[in-house]
Amino acid sequence: MLRSPGDFESKLEERLRGFGDYRVGKPGYEQSNDIAMLRGHAIASGTPRLDLSAHLMSGEADAIVPASAVARWAGYFGGPVRHHVIAGGHFFAFRDSRDRVLDLLTTILRATVVRSSRA
C-alpha cells in the first residue's frame, strides 16, 4: 500500500530502473529516453488483450508520436476503443487543446457514471 506521494515515486523509480536512465525531471534526464523505451517495447505473442474499453488521444500534428502509432494501442484492448485525434502537437493536452481535452474527459466520465448507475 502506498502511504504518501513519495512512496509512489519510489515504486515508480524502482520499476523504471530496468529502462536505463529514465528519471523525469531529474538532472541528466533527456526527453528522448521515454521515446527510446517505447520504441523498444513489444508485447510477447500470445499475450491476452485487456478486457477493457479505451479512449485514445493523439495530437493531429504530433511529429514525435503520430496518430498512426497511437492507433496501434487499440490492439491491446478487447473492448471497444475510440481514438480521438485532437488539434495540436505532442503536448496538445497541455498547450494547444487543454479545454478540448478536459471537455472530452468530462464527457467520457459522465457517460461511464451513467452506464455504471444503470448496471
PDB file of N, CA and C in Angstrom:
ATOM      1  N   MET A   1       0.841  -1.183   0.000  1.00  0.00           N
ATOM      2  CA  MET A   1       0.000   0.000   0.000  1.00  0.00           C
ATOM      3  C   MET A   1       0.886   1.246   0.000  1.00  0.00           C
ATOM      4  N   LEU A   2       0.517   2.214  -0.815  1.00  0.00           N
ATOM      5  CA  LEU A   2       1.266   3.459  -0.878  1.00  0.00           C
ATOM      6  C   LEU A   2       0.716   4.410   0.166  1.00  0.00           C
ATOM      7  N   ARG A   3       1.600   4.970   0.970  1.00  0.00           N
ATOM      8  CA  ARG A   3       1.162   5.830   2.072  1.00  0.00           C
ATOM      9  C   ARG A   3       1.379   7.318   1.801  1.00  0.00           C
ATOM     10  N   SER A   4       2.186   7.625   0.804  1.00  0.00           N
ATOM     11  CA  SER A   4       2.464   9.027   0.502  1.00  0.00           C
ATOM     12  C   SER A   4       2.895   9.156  -0.958  1.00  0.00           C
ATOM     13  N   PRO A   5       2.872  10.393  -1.484  1.00  0.00           N
ATOM     14  CA  PRO A   5       3.361  10.585  -2.852  1.00  0.00           C
ATOM     15  C   PRO A   5       4.800  10.107  -3.020  1.00  0.00           C
ATOM     16  N   GLY A   6       5.602  10.244  -1.973  1.00  0.00           N
ATOM     17  CA  GLY A   6       6.985   9.775  -2.035  1.00  0.00           C
ATOM     18  C   GLY A   6       7.060   8.274  -2.248  1.00  0.00           C
ATOM     19  N   ASP A   7       6.125   7.527  -1.629  1.00  0.00           N
ATOM     20  CA  ASP A   7       6.069   6.078  -1.823  1.00  0.00           C
ATOM     21  C   ASP A   7       5.815   5.753  -3.286  1.00  0.00           C
ATOM     22  N   PHE A   8       4.888   6.497  -3.903  1.00  0.00           N
ATOM     23  CA  PHE A   8       4.577   6.277  -5.308  1.00  0.00           C
ATOM     24  C   PHE A   8       5.804   6.523  -6.172  1.00  0.00           C
ATOM     25  N   GLU A   9       6.485   7.650  -5.917  1.00  0.00           N
ATOM     26  CA  GLU A   9       7.666   7.983  -6.701  1.00  0.00           C
ATOM     27  C   GLU A   9       8.746   6.927  -6.545  1.00  0.00           C
ATOM     28  N   SER A  10       8.924   6.423  -5.321  1.00  0.00           N
ATOM     29  CA  SER A  10       9.932   5.384  -5.089  1.00  0.00           C
ATOM     30  C   SER A  10       9.597   4.116  -5.853  1.00  0.00           C
ATOM     31  N   LYS A  11       8.333   3.711  -5.810  1.00  0.00           N
ATOM     32  CA  LYS A  11       7.910   2.492  -6.509  1.00  0.00           C
ATOM     33  C   LYS A  11       8.076   2.669  -8.017  1.00  0.00           C
ATOM     34  N   LEU A  12       7.688   3.826  -8.523  1.00  0.00           N
ATOM     35  CA  LEU A  12       7.818   4.088  -9.953  1.00  0.00           C
ATOM     36  C   LEU A  12       9.281   4.066 -10.370  1.00  0.00           C
ATOM     37  N   GLU A  13      10.110   4.737  -9.601  1.00  0.00           N
ATOM     38  CA  GLU A  13      11.549   4.763  -9.898  1.00  0.00           C
ATOM     39  C   GLU A  13      12.115   3.341  -9.924  1.00  0.00           C
ATOM     40  N   GLU A  14      11.694   2.537  -8.968  1.00  0.00           N
ATOM     41  CA  GLU A  14      12.152   1.147  -8.882  1.00  0.00           C
ATOM     42  C   GLU A  14      11.744   0.365 -10.124  1.00  0.00           C
ATOM     43  N   ARG A  15      10.504   0.542 -10.568  1.00  0.00           N
ATOM     44  CA  ARG A  15      10.003  -0.187 -11.740  1.00  0.00           C
ATOM     45  C   ARG A  15      10.695   0.249 -13.024  1.00  0.00           C
ATOM     46  N   LEU A  16      11.099   1.511 -13.088  1.00  0.00           N
ATOM     47  CA  LEU A  16      11.681   2.041 -14.319  1.00  0.00           C
ATOM     48  C   LEU A  16      13.196   1.848 -14.412  1.00  0.00           C
ATOM     49  N   ARG A  17      13.830   1.394 -13.367  1.00  0.00           N
ATOM     50  CA  ARG A  17      15.288   1.221 -13.387  1.00  0.00           C
ATOM     51  C   ARG A  17      15.752   0.347 -14.546  1.00  0.00           C
ATOM     52  N   GLY A  18      14.956  -0.633 -14.905  1.00  0.00           N
ATOM     53  CA  GLY A  18      15.325  -1.533 -15.989  1.00  0.00           C
ATOM     54  C   GLY A  18      15.370  -0.866 -17.349  1.00  0.00           C
ATOM     55  N   PHE A  19      14.887   0.368 -17.446  1.00  0.00           N
ATOM     56  CA  PHE A  19      14.872   1.073 -18.720  1.00  0.00           C
ATOM     57  C   PHE A  19      16.039   2.046 -18.863  1.00  0.00           C
ATOM     58  N   GLY A  20      17.039   1.916 -18.026  1.00  0.00           N
ATOM     59  CA  GLY A  20      18.195   2.806 -18.117  1.00  0.00           C
ATOM     60  C   GLY A  20      17.964   4.072 -17.316  1.00  0.00           C
ATOM     61  N   ASP A  21      18.559   5.159 -17.744  1.00  0.00           N
ATOM     62  CA  ASP A  21      18.486   6.409 -17.016  1.00  0.00           C
ATOM     63  C   ASP A  21      17.185   7.134 -17.348  1.00  0.00           C
ATOM     64  N   TYR A  22      16.104   6.621 -16.819  1.00  0.00           N
ATOM     65  CA  TYR A  22      14.770   7.170 -17.094  1.00  0.00           C
ATOM     66  C   TYR A  22      14.300   7.901 -15.844  1.00  0.00           C
ATOM     67  N   ARG A  23      14.749   9.141 -15.684  1.00  0.00           N
ATOM     68  CA  ARG A  23      14.436   9.883 -14.470  1.00  0.00           C
ATOM     69  C   ARG A  23      13.838  11.232 -14.852  1.00  0.00           C
ATOM     70  N   VAL A  24      12.530  11.279 -14.989  1.00  0.00           N
ATOM     71  CA  VAL A  24      11.853  12.502 -15.403  1.00  0.00           C
ATOM     72  C   VAL A  24      12.075  13.601 -14.377  1.00  0.00           C
ATOM     73  N   GLY A  25      12.459  14.759 -14.868  1.00  0.00           N
ATOM     74  CA  GLY A  25      12.595  15.913 -14.005  1.00  0.00           C
ATOM     75  C   GLY A  25      13.843  15.934 -13.150  1.00  0.00           C
ATOM     76  N   LYS A  26      14.704  14.963 -13.295  1.00  0.00           N
ATOM     77  CA  LYS A  26      15.938  14.939 -12.513  1.00  0.00           C
ATOM     78  C   LYS A  26      17.097  15.339 -13.412  1.00  0.00           C
ATOM     79  N   PRO A  27      18.175  15.838 -12.819  1.00  0.00           N
ATOM     80  CA  PRO A  27      19.321  16.234 -13.647  1.00  0.00           C
ATOM     81  C   PRO A  27      19.776  15.090 -14.552  1.00  0.00           C
ATOM     82  N   GLY A  28      20.027  15.418 -15.792  1.00  0.00           N
ATOM     83  CA  GLY A  28      20.513  14.416 -16.739  1.00  0.00           C
ATOM     84  C   GLY A  28      19.403  13.725 -17.517  1.00  0.00           C
ATOM     85  N   TYR A  29      18.143  13.955 -17.150  1.00  0.00           N
ATOM     86  CA  TYR A  29      17.044  13.320 -17.888  1.00  0.00           C
ATOM     87  C   TYR A  29      16.949  13.936 -19.276  1.00  0.00           C
ATOM     88  N   GLU A  30      16.752  13.086 -20.251  1.00  0.00           N
ATOM     89  CA  GLU A  30      16.529  13.558 -21.609  1.00  0.00           C
ATOM     90  C   GLU A  30      15.188  13.034 -22.070  1.00  0.00           C
ATOM     91  N   GLN A  31      14.393  13.891 -22.666  1.00  0.00           N
ATOM     92  CA  GLN A  31      13.056  13.506 -23.100  1.00  0.00           C
ATOM     93  C   GLN A  31      13.092  12.298 -24.028  1.00  0.00           C
ATOM     94  N   SER A  32      14.141  12.132 -24.781  1.00  0.00           N
ATOM     95  CA  SER A  32      14.203  11.043 -25.743  1.00  0.00           C
ATOM     96  C   SER A  32      14.252   9.674 -25.080  1.00  0.00           C
ATOM     97  N   ASN A  33      14.550   9.605 -23.771  1.00  0.00           N
ATOM     98  CA  ASN A  33      14.589   8.318 -23.083  1.00  0.00           C
ATOM     99  C   ASN A  33      13.242   7.605 -23.142  1.00  0.00           C
ATOM    100  N   ASP A  34      12.152   8.347 -22.942  1.00  0.00           N
ATOM    101  CA  ASP A  34      10.844   7.698 -22.969  1.00  0.00           C
ATOM    102  C   ASP A  34      10.495   7.214 -24.371  1.00  0.00           C
ATOM    103  N   ILE A  35      10.926   7.948 -25.379  1.00  0.00           N
ATOM    104  CA  ILE A  35      10.668   7.529 -26.756  1.00  0.00           C
ATOM    105  C   ILE A  35      11.473   6.265 -27.070  1.00  0.00           C
ATOM    106  N   ALA A  36      12.719   6.223 -26.639  1.00  0.00           N
ATOM    107  CA  ALA A  36      13.553   5.029 -26.862  1.00  0.00           C
ATOM    108  C   ALA A  36      12.940   3.820 -26.160  1.00  0.00           C
ATOM    109  N   MET A  37      12.443   4.017 -24.955  1.00  0.00           N
ATOM    110  CA  MET A  37      11.815   2.929 -24.221  1.00  0.00           C
ATOM    111  C   MET A  37      10.589   2.416 -24.984  1.00  0.00           C
ATOM    112  N   LEU A  38       9.779   3.337 -25.483  1.00  0.00           N
ATOM    113  CA  LEU A  38       8.574   2.965 -26.219  1.00  0.00           C
ATOM    114  C   LEU A  38       8.918   2.210 -27.506  1.00  0.00           C
ATOM    115  N   ARG A  39       9.906   2.694 -28.230  1.00  0.00           N
ATOM    116  CA  ARG A  39      10.288   2.046 -29.495  1.00  0.00           C
ATOM    117  C   ARG A  39      10.810   0.632 -29.279  1.00  0.00           C
ATOM    118  N   GLY A  40      11.435   0.375 -28.143  1.00  0.00           N
ATOM    119  CA  GLY A  40      11.974  -0.947 -27.857  1.00  0.00           C
ATOM    120  C   GLY A  40      10.962  -1.906 -27.251  1.00  0.00           C
ATOM    121  N   HIS A  41       9.749  -1.426 -27.001  1.00  0.00           N
ATOM    122  CA  HIS A  41       8.739  -2.254 -26.344  1.00  0.00           C
ATOM    123  C   HIS A  41       7.997  -3.141 -27.351  1.00  0.00           C
ATOM    124  N   ALA A  42       7.777  -4.363 -26.974  1.00  0.00           N
ATOM    125  CA  ALA A  42       6.971  -5.274 -27.792  1.00  0.00           C
ATOM    126  C   ALA A  42       6.231  -6.224 -26.861  1.00  0.00           C
ATOM    127  N   ILE A  43       5.022  -6.550 -27.206  1.00  0.00           N
ATOM    128  CA  ILE A  43       4.238  -7.491 -26.420  1.00  0.00           C
ATOM    129  C   ILE A  43       4.551  -8.895 -26.917  1.00  0.00           C
ATOM    130  N   ALA A  44       4.760  -9.791 -25.982  1.00  0.00           N
ATOM    131  CA  ALA A  44       5.044 -11.182 -26.351  1.00  0.00           C
ATOM    132  C   ALA A  44       3.841 -11.781 -27.060  1.00  0.00           C
ATOM    133  N   SER A  45       4.098 -12.579 -28.095  1.00  0.00           N
ATOM    134  CA  SER A  45       2.990 -13.209 -28.812  1.00  0.00           C
ATOM    135  C   SER A  45       2.222 -14.107 -27.833  1.00  0.00           C
ATOM    136  N   GLY A  46       0.934 -14.141 -28.009  1.00  0.00           N
ATOM    137  CA  GLY A  46       0.090 -14.944 -27.139  1.00  0.00           C
ATOM    138  C   GLY A  46      -0.378 -14.207 -25.894  1.00  0.00           C
ATOM    139  N   THR A  47       0.108 -12.978 -25.688  1.00  0.00           N
ATOM    140  CA  THR A  47      -0.341 -12.195 -24.539  1.00  0.00           C
ATOM    141  C   THR A  47      -1.807 -11.823 -24.747  1.00  0.00           C
ATOM    142  N   PRO A  48      -2.658 -12.120 -23.770  1.00  0.00           N
ATOM    143  CA  PRO A  48      -4.075 -11.797 -23.953  1.00  0.00           C
ATOM    144  C   PRO A  48      -4.314 -10.293 -23.929  1.00  0.00           C
ATOM    145  N   ARG A  49      -5.333  -9.882 -24.644  1.00  0.00           N
ATOM    146  CA  ARG A  49      -5.728  -8.476 -24.634  1.00  0.00           C
ATOM    147  C   ARG A  49      -6.384  -8.147 -23.301  1.00  0.00           C
ATOM    148  N   LEU A  50      -6.346  -6.882 -22.938  1.00  0.00           N
ATOM    149  CA  LEU A  50      -7.040  -6.429 -21.743  1.00  0.00           C
ATOM    150  C   LEU A  50      -8.532  -6.390 -22.036  1.00  0.00           C
ATOM    151  N   ASP A  51      -9.329  -6.937 -21.170  1.00  0.00           N
ATOM    152  CA  ASP A  51     -10.776  -6.965 -21.372  1.00  0.00           C
ATOM    153  C   ASP A  51     -11.370  -5.633 -20.911  1.00  0.00           C
ATOM    154  N   LEU A  52     -11.002  -4.583 -21.627  1.00  0.00           N
ATOM    155  CA  LEU A  52     -11.397  -3.217 -21.285  1.00  0.00           C
ATOM    156  C   LEU A  52     -11.695  -2.434 -22.545  1.00  0.00           C
ATOM    157  N   SER A  53     -12.498  -1.407 -22.386  1.00  0.00           N
ATOM    158  CA  SER A  53     -12.638  -0.434 -23.471  1.00  0.00           C
ATOM    159  C   SER A  53     -11.639   0.680 -23.197  1.00  0.00           C
ATOM    160  N   ALA A  54     -11.373   1.498 -24.191  1.00  0.00           N
ATOM    161  CA  ALA A  54     -10.382   2.562 -24.006  1.00  0.00           C
ATOM    162  C   ALA A  54     -10.696   3.752 -24.903  1.00  0.00           C
ATOM    163  N   HIS A  55     -10.241   4.902 -24.457  1.00  0.00           N
ATOM    164  CA  HIS A  55     -10.259   6.119 -25.263  1.00  0.00           C
ATOM    165  C   HIS A  55      -8.811   6.530 -25.449  1.00  0.00           C
ATOM    166  N   LEU A  56      -8.371   6.610 -26.677  1.00  0.00           N
ATOM    167  CA  LEU A  56      -7.013   7.021 -27.006  1.00  0.00           C
ATOM    168  C   LEU A  56      -7.053   8.455 -27.513  1.00  0.00           C
ATOM    169  N   MET A  57      -6.048   9.237 -27.189  1.00  0.00           N
ATOM    170  CA  MET A  57      -5.971  10.613 -27.679  1.00  0.00           C
ATOM    171  C   MET A  57      -4.601  10.847 -28.285  1.00  0.00           C
ATOM    172  N   SER A  58      -4.604  11.567 -29.388  1.00  0.00           N
ATOM    173  CA  SER A  58      -3.339  11.943 -30.015  1.00  0.00           C
ATOM    174  C   SER A  58      -3.479  13.326 -30.628  1.00  0.00           C
ATOM    175  N   GLY A  59      -2.341  13.996 -30.772  1.00  0.00           N
ATOM    176  CA  GLY A  59      -2.317  15.310 -31.400  1.00  0.00           C
ATOM    177  C   GLY A  59      -2.197  15.159 -32.903  1.00  0.00           C
ATOM    178  N   GLU A  60      -3.025  15.878 -33.640  1.00  0.00           N
ATOM    179  CA  GLU A  60      -3.024  15.735 -35.099  1.00  0.00           C
ATOM    180  C   GLU A  60      -1.697  16.146 -35.737  1.00  0.00           C
ATOM    181  N   ALA A  61      -0.952  17.022 -35.088  1.00  0.00           N
ATOM    182  CA  ALA A  61       0.321  17.485 -35.643  1.00  0.00           C
ATOM    183  C   ALA A  61       1.512  16.954 -34.847  1.00  0.00           C
ATOM    184  N   ASP A  62       1.321  15.851 -34.142  1.00  0.00           N
ATOM    185  CA  ASP A  62       2.386  15.285 -33.314  1.00  0.00           C
ATOM    186  C   ASP A  62       3.402  14.578 -34.199  1.00  0.00           C
ATOM    187  N   ALA A  63       4.605  15.139 -34.283  1.00  0.00           N
ATOM    188  CA  ALA A  63       5.666  14.533 -35.100  1.00  0.00           C
ATOM    189  C   ALA A  63       6.458  13.499 -34.312  1.00  0.00           C
ATOM    190  N   ILE A  64       6.274  13.462 -32.984  1.00  0.00           N
ATOM    191  CA  ILE A  64       7.013  12.520 -32.145  1.00  0.00           C
ATOM    192  C   ILE A  64       6.275  11.191 -32.056  1.00  0.00           C
ATOM    193  N   VAL A  65       4.980  11.249 -31.748  1.00  0.00           N
ATOM    194  CA  VAL A  65       4.142  10.045 -31.682  1.00  0.00           C
ATOM    195  C   VAL A  65       2.915  10.307 -32.556  1.00  0.00           C
ATOM    196  N   PRO A  66       2.987   9.975 -33.846  1.00  0.00           N
ATOM    197  CA  PRO A  66       1.882  10.272 -34.760  1.00  0.00           C
ATOM    198  C   PRO A  66       0.617   9.472 -34.428  1.00  0.00           C
ATOM    199  N   ALA A  67      -0.493   9.954 -34.920  1.00  0.00           N
ATOM    200  CA  ALA A  67      -1.780   9.298 -34.660  1.00  0.00           C
ATOM    201  C   ALA A  67      -1.760   7.827 -35.046  1.00  0.00           C
ATOM    202  N   SER A  68      -1.033   7.478 -36.096  1.00  0.00           N
ATOM    203  CA  SER A  68      -0.970   6.068 -36.521  1.00  0.00           C
ATOM    204  C   SER A  68      -0.311   5.197 -35.453  1.00  0.00           C
ATOM    205  N   ALA A  69       0.666   5.744 -34.734  1.00  0.00           N
ATOM    206  CA  ALA A  69       1.315   4.986 -33.655  1.00  0.00           C
ATOM    207  C   ALA A  69       0.378   4.833 -32.469  1.00  0.00           C
ATOM    208  N   VAL A  70      -0.361   5.890 -32.147  1.00  0.00           N
ATOM    209  CA  VAL A  70      -1.324   5.820 -31.044  1.00  0.00           C
ATOM    210  C   VAL A  70      -2.432   4.829 -31.388  1.00  0.00           C
ATOM    211  N   ALA A  71      -2.871   4.819 -32.636  1.00  0.00           N
ATOM    212  CA  ALA A  71      -3.948   3.910 -33.063  1.00  0.00           C
ATOM    213  C   ALA A  71      -3.584   2.445 -32.832  1.00  0.00           C
ATOM    214  N   ARG A  72      -2.298   2.110 -32.914  1.00  0.00           N
ATOM    215  CA  ARG A  72      -1.885   0.718 -32.680  1.00  0.00           C
ATOM    216  C   ARG A  72      -2.177   0.246 -31.257  1.00  0.00           C
ATOM    217  N   TRP A  73      -2.327   1.170 -30.326  1.00  0.00           N
ATOM    218  CA  TRP A  73      -2.662   0.787 -28.950  1.00  0.00           C
ATOM    219  C   TRP A  73      -4.015   0.080 -28.880  1.00  0.00           C
ATOM    220  N   ALA A  74      -4.863   0.283 -29.863  1.00  0.00           N
ATOM    221  CA  ALA A  74      -6.175  -0.385 -29.869  1.00  0.00           C
ATOM    222  C   ALA A  74      -6.018  -1.900 -29.794  1.00  0.00           C
ATOM    223  N   GLY A  75      -4.925  -2.422 -30.321  1.00  0.00           N
ATOM    224  CA  GLY A  75      -4.684  -3.854 -30.299  1.00  0.00           C
ATOM    225  C   GLY A  75      -4.449  -4.434 -28.917  1.00  0.00           C
ATOM    226  N   TYR A  76      -4.258  -3.586 -27.918  1.00  0.00           N
ATOM    227  CA  TYR A  76      -4.040  -4.050 -26.553  1.00  0.00           C
ATOM    228  C   TYR A  76      -5.351  -4.311 -25.808  1.00  0.00           C
ATOM    229  N   PHE A  77      -6.457  -3.843 -26.374  1.00  0.00           N
ATOM    230  CA  PHE A  77      -7.744  -3.907 -25.682  1.00  0.00           C
ATOM    231  C   PHE A  77      -8.725  -4.828 -26.376  1.00  0.00           C
ATOM    232  N   GLY A  78      -9.497  -5.565 -25.578  1.00  0.00           N
ATOM    233  CA  GLY A  78     -10.509  -6.464 -26.129  1.00  0.00           C
ATOM    234  C   GLY A  78     -11.853  -5.791 -26.302  1.00  0.00           C
ATOM    235  N   GLY A  79     -12.071  -4.689 -25.605  1.00  0.00           N
ATOM    236  CA  GLY A  79     -13.340  -3.966 -25.691  1.00  0.00           C
ATOM    237  C   GLY A  79     -13.274  -2.875 -26.743  1.00  0.00           C
ATOM    238  N   PRO A  80     -14.356  -2.101 -26.849  1.00  0.00           N
ATOM    239  CA  PRO A  80     -14.395  -1.017 -27.832  1.00  0.00           C
ATOM    240  C   PRO A  80     -13.317   0.035 -27.549  1.00  0.00           C
ATOM    241  N   VAL A  81     -12.728   0.549 -28.616  1.00  0.00           N
ATOM    242  CA  VAL A  81     -11.694   1.574 -28.500  1.00  0.00           C
ATOM    243  C   VAL A  81     -12.080   2.747 -29.394  1.00  0.00           C
ATOM    244  N   ARG A  82     -12.017   3.946 -28.836  1.00  0.00           N
ATOM    245  CA  ARG A  82     -12.237   5.162 -29.629  1.00  0.00           C
ATOM    246  C   ARG A  82     -10.949   5.955 -29.638  1.00  0.00           C
ATOM    247  N   HIS A  83     -10.568   6.388 -30.804  1.00  0.00           N
ATOM    248  CA  HIS A  83      -9.350   7.187 -30.960  1.00  0.00           C
ATOM    249  C   HIS A  83      -9.764   8.613 -31.290  1.00  0.00           C
ATOM    250  N   HIS A  84      -9.396   9.529 -30.438  1.00  0.00           N
ATOM    251  CA  HIS A  84      -9.714  10.944 -30.612  1.00  0.00           C
ATOM    252  C   HIS A  84      -8.452  11.669 -31.075  1.00  0.00           C
ATOM    253  N   VAL A  85      -8.476  12.190 -32.277  1.00  0.00           N
ATOM    254  CA  VAL A  85      -7.351  12.961 -32.795  1.00  0.00           C
ATOM    255  C   VAL A  85      -7.697  14.430 -32.561  1.00  0.00           C
ATOM    256  N   ILE A  86      -6.847  15.093 -31.801  1.00  0.00           N
ATOM    257  CA  ILE A  86      -7.146  16.430 -31.300  1.00  0.00           C
ATOM    258  C   ILE A  86      -6.126  17.425 -31.843  1.00  0.00           C
ATOM    259  N   ALA A  87      -6.578  18.642 -32.086  1.00  0.00           N
ATOM    260  CA  ALA A  87      -5.704  19.694 -32.622  1.00  0.00           C
ATOM    261  C   ALA A  87      -4.493  19.903 -31.725  1.00  0.00           C
ATOM    262  N   GLY A  88      -3.329  19.964 -32.355  1.00  0.00           N
ATOM    263  CA  GLY A  88      -2.118  20.273 -31.620  1.00  0.00           C
ATOM    264  C   GLY A  88      -1.007  19.282 -31.862  1.00  0.00           C
ATOM    265  N   GLY A  89       0.115  19.544 -31.222  1.00  0.00           N
ATOM    266  CA  GLY A  89       1.292  18.707 -31.364  1.00  0.00           C
ATOM    267  C   GLY A  89       1.415  17.694 -30.242  1.00  0.00           C
ATOM    268  N   HIS A  90       2.638  17.339 -29.899  1.00  0.00           N
ATOM    269  CA  HIS A  90       2.894  16.291 -28.913  1.00  0.00           C
ATOM    270  C   HIS A  90       2.317  16.637 -27.542  1.00  0.00           C
ATOM    271  N   PHE A  91       2.325  17.897 -27.171  1.00  0.00           N
ATOM    272  CA  PHE A  91       1.804  18.308 -25.860  1.00  0.00           C
ATOM    273  C   PHE A  91       0.431  18.966 -25.993  1.00  0.00           C
ATOM    274  N   PHE A  92      -0.397  18.467 -26.910  1.00  0.00           N
ATOM    275  CA  PHE A  92      -1.708  19.057 -27.180  1.00  0.00           C
ATOM    276  C   PHE A  92      -2.554  19.201 -25.923  1.00  0.00           C
ATOM    277  N   ALA A  93      -2.461  18.243 -25.007  1.00  0.00           N
ATOM    278  CA  ALA A  93      -3.310  18.257 -23.807  1.00  0.00           C
ATOM    279  C   ALA A  93      -2.930  19.387 -22.849  1.00  0.00           C
ATOM    280  N   PHE A  94      -1.722  19.894 -22.954  1.00  0.00           N
ATOM    281  CA  PHE A  94      -1.253  20.923 -22.034  1.00  0.00           C
ATOM    282  C   PHE A  94      -1.106  22.288 -22.687  1.00  0.00           C
ATOM    283  N   ARG A  95      -0.938  22.295 -24.001  1.00  0.00           N
ATOM    284  CA  ARG A  95      -0.665  23.569 -24.682  1.00  0.00           C
ATOM    285  C   ARG A  95      -1.788  23.986 -25.618  1.00  0.00           C
ATOM    286  N   ASP A  96      -2.057  23.169 -26.619  1.00  0.00           N
ATOM    287  CA  ASP A  96      -2.925  23.571 -27.720  1.00  0.00           C
ATOM    288  C   ASP A  96      -4.417  23.372 -27.456  1.00  0.00           C
ATOM    289  N   SER A  97      -4.770  22.289 -26.811  1.00  0.00           N
ATOM    290  CA  SER A  97      -6.190  21.906 -26.726  1.00  0.00           C
ATOM    291  C   SER A  97      -6.605  21.499 -25.320  1.00  0.00           C
ATOM    292  N   ARG A  98      -6.067  22.188 -24.340  1.00  0.00           N
ATOM    293  CA  ARG A  98      -6.365  21.830 -22.947  1.00  0.00           C
ATOM    294  C   ARG A  98      -7.874  21.776 -22.683  1.00  0.00           C
ATOM    295  N   ASP A  99      -8.612  22.807 -23.092  1.00  0.00           N
ATOM    296  CA  ASP A  99     -10.053  22.841 -22.844  1.00  0.00           C
ATOM    297  C   ASP A  99     -10.773  21.709 -23.563  1.00  0.00           C
ATOM    298  N   ARG A 100     -10.359  21.419 -24.782  1.00  0.00           N
ATOM    299  CA  ARG A 100     -10.968  20.318 -25.545  1.00  0.00           C
ATOM    300  C   ARG A 100     -10.738  18.993 -24.834  1.00  0.00           C
ATOM    301  N   VAL A 101      -9.535  18.779 -24.342  1.00  0.00           N
ATOM    302  CA  VAL A 101      -9.218  17.533 -23.634  1.00  0.00           C
ATOM    303  C   VAL A 101     -10.035  17.423 -22.357  1.00  0.00           C
ATOM    304  N   LEU A 102     -10.133  18.510 -21.598  1.00  0.00           N
ATOM    305  CA  LEU A 102     -10.923  18.482 -20.360  1.00  0.00           C
ATOM    306  C   LEU A 102     -12.403  18.227 -20.655  1.00  0.00           C
ATOM    307  N   ASP A 103     -12.933  18.847 -21.704  1.00  0.00           N
ATOM    308  CA  ASP A 103     -14.323  18.597 -22.102  1.00  0.00           C
ATOM    309  C   ASP A 103     -14.530  17.140 -22.497  1.00  0.00           C
ATOM    310  N   LEU A 104     -13.597  16.589 -23.259  1.00  0.00           N
ATOM    311  CA  LEU A 104     -13.702  15.193 -23.686  1.00  0.00           C
ATOM    312  C   LEU A 104     -13.648  14.248 -22.484  1.00  0.00           C
ATOM    313  N   LEU A 105     -12.710  14.485 -21.579  1.00  0.00           N
ATOM    314  CA  LEU A 105     -12.618  13.642 -20.382  1.00  0.00           C
ATOM    315  C   LEU A 105     -13.882  13.734 -19.532  1.00  0.00           C
ATOM    316  N   THR A 106     -14.437  14.926 -19.408  1.00  0.00           N
ATOM    317  CA  THR A 106     -15.688  15.103 -18.658  1.00  0.00           C
ATOM    318  C   THR A 106     -16.819  14.314 -19.299  1.00  0.00           C
ATOM    319  N   THR A 107     -16.931  14.376 -20.613  1.00  0.00           N
ATOM    320  CA  THR A 107     -17.966  13.634 -21.341  1.00  0.00           C
ATOM    321  C   THR A 107     -17.798  12.133 -21.148  1.00  0.00           C
ATOM    322  N   ILE A 108     -16.579  11.652 -21.259  1.00  0.00           N
ATOM    323  CA  ILE A 108     -16.303  10.221 -21.099  1.00  0.00           C
ATOM    324  C   ILE A 108     -16.656   9.771 -19.682  1.00  0.00           C
ATOM    325  N   LEU A 109     -16.233  10.534 -18.687  1.00  0.00           N
ATOM    326  CA  LEU A 109     -16.508  10.159 -17.293  1.00  0.00           C
ATOM    327  C   LEU A 109     -18.002  10.204 -16.974  1.00  0.00           C
ATOM    328  N   ARG A 110     -18.707  11.206 -17.481  1.00  0.00           N
ATOM    329  CA  ARG A 110     -20.160  11.271 -17.249  1.00  0.00           C
ATOM    330  C   ARG A 110     -20.867  10.068 -17.868  1.00  0.00           C
ATOM    331  N   ALA A 111     -20.486   9.710 -19.077  1.00  0.00           N
ATOM    332  CA  ALA A 111     -21.099   8.551 -19.742  1.00  0.00           C
ATOM    333  C   ALA A 111     -20.808   7.274 -18.964  1.00  0.00           C
ATOM    334  N   THR A 112     -19.612   7.165 -18.414  1.00  0.00           N
ATOM    335  CA  THR A 112     -19.240   5.989 -17.627  1.00  0.00           C
ATOM    336  C   THR A 112     -20.072   5.903 -16.355  1.00  0.00           C
ATOM    337  N   VAL A 113     -20.275   7.031 -15.695  1.00  0.00           N
ATOM    338  CA  VAL A 113     -21.088   7.052 -14.470  1.00  0.00           C
ATOM    339  C   VAL A 113     -22.523   6.660 -14.772  1.00  0.00           C
ATOM    340  N   VAL A 114     -23.067   7.173 -15.867  1.00  0.00           N
ATOM    341  CA  VAL A 114     -24.448   6.854 -16.249  1.00  0.00           C
ATOM    342  C   VAL A 114     -24.572   5.359 -16.525  1.00  0.00           C
ATOM    343  N   ARG A 115     -23.637   4.796 -17.286  1.00  0.00           N
ATOM    344  CA  ARG A 115     -23.676   3.347 -17.574  1.00  0.00           C
ATOM    345  C   ARG A 115     -23.563   2.527 -16.295  1.00  0.00           C
ATOM    346  N   SER A 116     -22.698   2.946 -15.401  1.00  0.00           N
ATOM    347  CA  SER A 116     -22.497   2.218 -14.142  1.00  0.00           C
ATOM    348  C   SER A 116     -23.736   2.264 -13.267  1.00  0.00           C
ATOM    349  N   SER A 117     -24.443   3.384 -13.265  1.00  0.00           N
ATOM    350  CA  SER A 117     -25.636   3.514 -12.425  1.00  0.00           C
ATOM    351  C   SER A 117     -26.789   2.679 -12.961  1.00  0.00           C
ATOM    352  N   ARG A 118     -26.762   2.364 -14.235  1.00  0.00           N
ATOM    353  CA  ARG A 118     -27.816   1.536 -14.839  1.00  0.00           C
ATOM    354  C   ARG A 118     -27.561   0.041 -14.644  1.00  0.00           C
ATOM    355  N   ALA A 119     -26.327  -0.304 -14.344  1.00  0.00           N
ATOM    356  CA  ALA A 119     -25.970  -1.723 -14.223  1.00  0.00           C
ATOM    357  C   ALA A 119     -26.439  -2.330 -12.915  1.00  0.00           C
TER     358      ALA A 119
END
